[in-house]
Structures are given as structure tokens and as C-alpha cells.
Protein backbone atom coordinates (compact mmCIF):
# COMPACT_ATOMS: atom_id res chain seq x y z
CA MET A 1 -17.57 51.43 -17.52
CA ASP A 2 -15.05 48.68 -17.60
CA THR A 3 -11.80 48.37 -19.45
CA TYR A 4 -11.44 45.09 -21.25
CA THR A 5 -9.01 43.35 -23.56
CA SER A 6 -10.20 42.29 -26.97
CA PRO A 7 -8.35 39.90 -29.29
CA SER A 8 -6.85 42.93 -31.04
CA GLY A 9 -5.61 44.54 -27.83
CA PRO A 10 -6.77 46.72 -24.95
CA ALA A 11 -9.80 48.89 -25.60
CA VAL A 12 -11.17 51.58 -23.36
CA SER A 13 -14.93 51.91 -23.05
CA GLY A 14 -16.08 53.85 -26.08
CA VAL A 15 -12.83 55.55 -27.05
CA VAL A 16 -12.08 55.46 -30.74
CA VAL A 17 -10.38 52.11 -31.23
CA ALA A 18 -7.06 52.90 -32.81
CA THR A 19 -5.16 50.55 -35.04
CA SER A 20 -1.96 51.34 -33.20
CA PRO A 21 -1.37 49.23 -30.08
CA LEU A 22 0.84 52.04 -28.77
CA LEU A 23 -2.01 54.56 -29.05
CA ARG A 24 -4.47 52.17 -27.41
CA MET A 25 -2.06 51.65 -24.54
CA ALA A 26 -1.38 55.39 -24.21
CA VAL A 27 -5.12 56.15 -24.06
CA ALA A 28 -5.70 53.40 -21.49
CA ALA A 29 -2.75 54.60 -19.38
CA TYR A 30 -3.96 58.20 -19.42
CA LEU A 31 -7.57 57.35 -18.56
CA ALA A 32 -6.46 55.01 -15.77
CA ARG A 33 -5.43 58.12 -13.84
CA PHE A 34 -9.09 59.09 -13.40
CA LYS A 35 -12.07 57.62 -11.56
CA GLY A 36 -15.84 57.98 -11.73
CA GLN A 37 -17.33 60.97 -13.49
CA SER A 38 -13.91 62.55 -14.06
CA ARG A 39 -12.89 59.53 -16.08
CA ILE A 40 -16.12 59.56 -18.09
CA HIS A 41 -15.77 63.26 -18.94
CA THR A 42 -12.05 62.99 -19.69
CA GLU A 43 -12.71 60.01 -21.94
CA SER A 44 -15.36 61.95 -23.83
CA ASP A 45 -13.04 64.94 -24.31
CA LEU A 46 -10.16 62.73 -25.45
CA ARG A 47 -12.47 60.84 -27.81
CA GLY A 48 -13.37 64.20 -29.40
CA TYR A 49 -9.72 64.93 -30.11
CA LEU A 50 -8.93 61.43 -31.38
CA THR A 51 -11.98 61.53 -33.66
CA TRP A 52 -10.88 64.92 -34.97
CA CYS A 53 -7.44 63.44 -35.71
CA GLU A 54 -8.96 60.36 -37.36
CA ASP A 55 -11.21 62.52 -39.58
CA ARG A 56 -8.07 64.27 -40.85
CA ALA A 57 -5.99 61.09 -41.21
CA LEU A 58 -3.65 62.49 -38.55
CA ASP A 59 -1.79 60.06 -36.31
CA PRO A 60 -1.95 61.64 -32.83
CA PHE A 61 1.69 60.64 -32.27
CA THR A 62 2.80 62.71 -35.27
CA ALA A 63 0.69 65.75 -34.33
CA ALA A 64 2.56 69.01 -33.85
CA ARG A 65 1.63 72.20 -32.03
CA PRO A 66 -0.07 73.70 -35.14
CA HIS A 67 -2.38 70.67 -35.35
CA ILE A 68 -3.54 71.20 -31.79
CA GLU A 69 -3.97 74.92 -32.44
CA LEU A 70 -6.15 73.99 -35.43
CA TYR A 71 -8.17 71.63 -33.23
CA ILE A 72 -8.76 74.49 -30.78
CA ARG A 73 -9.81 76.85 -33.61
CA TRP A 74 -12.13 74.15 -34.97
CA MET A 75 -13.82 73.81 -31.56
CA GLN A 76 -14.23 77.59 -31.36
CA GLU A 77 -15.22 78.45 -34.90
CA VAL A 78 -16.88 75.34 -36.33
CA ARG A 79 -18.37 73.74 -33.23
CA GLY A 80 -19.02 77.04 -31.42
CA TYR A 81 -17.92 75.77 -28.01
CA ARG A 82 -17.64 78.23 -25.13
CA PRO A 83 -14.15 79.20 -23.94
CA SER A 84 -14.50 77.06 -20.79
CA THR A 85 -15.29 73.96 -22.87
CA VAL A 86 -12.45 74.62 -25.31
CA SER A 87 -10.01 75.20 -22.45
CA ARG A 88 -11.10 72.01 -20.67
CA ARG A 89 -10.79 69.91 -23.82
CA ALA A 90 -7.38 71.44 -24.60
CA SER A 91 -6.31 70.58 -21.05
CA VAL A 92 -7.30 66.97 -21.61
CA VAL A 93 -5.24 66.86 -24.82
CA ALA A 94 -2.28 68.45 -23.03
CA GLY A 95 -2.63 65.95 -20.17
CA PHE A 96 -2.76 63.05 -22.61
CA TYR A 97 0.45 64.19 -24.31
CA ARG A 98 2.13 64.89 -20.97
CA SER A 99 1.36 61.27 -19.97
CA CYS A 100 2.80 60.08 -23.27
CA VAL A 101 6.05 61.91 -22.49
CA ILE A 102 6.13 60.55 -18.93
CA ASP A 103 5.57 57.00 -20.22
CA GLY A 104 8.22 57.37 -22.95
CA ALA A 105 5.83 57.13 -25.91
CA LEU A 106 6.87 60.63 -27.08
CA GLU A 107 10.00 62.71 -26.60
CA HIS A 108 8.12 65.96 -26.11
CA SER A 109 4.53 67.12 -25.93
CA PRO A 110 3.13 68.89 -29.00
CA ALA A 111 0.65 70.62 -26.68
CA GLU A 112 3.33 72.21 -24.52
CA TYR A 113 3.07 75.75 -25.91
CA VAL A 114 -0.51 75.71 -27.16
CA ARG A 115 -2.47 78.83 -26.26
CA ARG A 116 -5.82 78.20 -24.61
CA PRO A 117 -8.73 80.64 -24.58
CA THR A 118 -9.15 82.93 -21.62
CA VAL A 119 -11.90 81.78 -19.29
CA PRO A 120 -13.56 84.32 -17.00
CA ALA A 121 -13.02 83.65 -13.29
CA GLU A 122 -16.74 83.84 -12.57
CA SER A 123 -19.13 81.40 -14.18
CA PRO A 124 -21.83 82.97 -16.38
CA THR A 125 -24.22 80.22 -15.23
CA LEU A 126 -26.72 81.67 -12.77
CA GLY A 127 -28.65 78.57 -11.83
CA LEU A 128 -28.92 74.84 -12.09
CA SER A 129 -28.99 73.03 -15.40
CA HIS A 130 -32.02 70.84 -16.03
CA LEU A 131 -29.91 67.75 -15.27
CA GLN A 132 -28.72 69.22 -11.98
CA PHE A 133 -32.29 70.11 -11.03
CA GLU A 134 -33.49 66.59 -11.91
CA ALA A 135 -30.74 65.16 -9.69
CA LEU A 136 -31.81 67.48 -6.87
CA LEU A 137 -35.44 66.40 -7.32
CA SER A 138 -34.45 62.74 -7.28
CA ALA A 139 -32.38 63.15 -4.12
CA ALA A 140 -35.23 65.02 -2.43
CA ARG A 141 -37.74 62.36 -3.51
CA ASN A 142 -35.55 59.67 -1.92
CA SER A 143 -34.92 61.65 1.26
CA VAL A 144 -36.23 60.38 4.60
CA ASN A 145 -37.51 63.88 5.34
CA PRO A 146 -40.95 64.19 3.70
CA TYR A 147 -40.60 67.97 3.42
CA ASP A 148 -37.47 67.86 1.21
CA PHE A 149 -39.33 66.94 -1.96
CA ALA A 150 -42.03 69.54 -1.32
CA LEU A 151 -39.44 72.24 -0.72
CA VAL A 152 -37.41 71.42 -3.85
CA THR A 153 -40.58 71.24 -5.95
CA LEU A 154 -41.77 74.59 -4.60
CA LEU A 155 -38.37 76.21 -5.27
CA GLY A 156 -38.29 74.75 -8.77
CA ALA A 157 -41.76 76.07 -9.54
CA SER A 158 -40.81 79.54 -8.32
CA TRP A 159 -37.68 79.52 -10.49
CA VAL A 160 -39.64 78.47 -13.58
CA CYS A 161 -42.55 80.87 -13.01
CA GLY A 162 -40.68 83.84 -11.62
CA SER A 163 -37.23 84.12 -13.12
CA SER A 164 -34.24 82.16 -14.36
CA ARG A 165 -32.45 82.73 -11.06
CA PRO A 166 -33.05 81.21 -7.65
CA PRO A 167 -35.16 83.46 -5.42
CA GLU A 168 -33.41 85.98 -3.20
CA ALA A 169 -33.44 85.26 0.51
CA THR A 170 -36.01 87.38 2.30
CA SER A 171 -36.02 88.25 5.95
CA GLN A 172 -39.11 88.82 8.01
CA THR A 173 -38.79 91.38 10.80
């Protein structure tokens, strides 16, 4: 996704186009720190926050800590996001405001003392998501080794038919 300049000012691929040139520049500067998939995911998370602000007629530059706490509660209670998602999105908001302070757009970050949800150290996910499995299938299909696709297909079939977890390794003695 490319960044481009429109007649009204810089816009960043898909991010809510703000009326404030300062906000547009701050968003572009923050997202410029990331590349590839990290940038895409960070952009999506930041867009969620900016949309939330816009829906409440809240200028992100006038937001205070309680606003960000309300955003976190909204993600938890209204949207029903898992703690890991809420924590990640809150981290993006905090990073955005930290960049604003570094660049001189704000004196201090309103996200500085925001409490984030506790995220367990171990992931509750026991297997691959359907998108991850599709990517694995695609890579195996394109492999030069003809057995890769057969192996991945066989493993996938055993996961679907047998259980939601990958099969345990078995030893033959």
C-alpha cells in the first residue's frame, strides 16, 4: 500500500482522512516507522481508534487519559475483543501518542498511564487459524518437493477429522 499526497494533503492508505493537516501528518509519521505486515496491522489498529474518536466528535489531539480508558472499555465490553487484542490496540494508540510527543505535536501523551488488560503469557490458541493453514497449503503446493503438498494435506485432514490439535508425535520401536 502506497502513501500518496492528495490536493488536500498527505493521506495514508485507508486511514480515516482527518480534516486536520497536523493529524494527517502525525498518522503518516507514525506509520512510516513500520514496514510490511506490521504497518498494515498497525494502520488497521490506529484506524479503529481514530474512527472511535470521530464517532464521538473527539479530536485525538484533545483526548485525555479517561478517553483512552473509555476506548479500552468499549473494545472489551461493546466489541468483546480478547485481552490480547485490546492490549495490542492500546499499544498502538500509546505508540501513536508517544510519536506525537517525540515530534512535538503534543506536550505529553494522554496514553502514558493507561492501564492495559493482563494478557496470559501462554497463547490459548492450540493450532493454526484457517488463514495460516491456507498459507501453509499454498506454500506446500508451490514447493519443489512433490511430497510437501501431500504431507500438509494429510496432516490437515487428520486435524479436521481427529481433533482440533495437531497430532502428537509417535515413535515406533
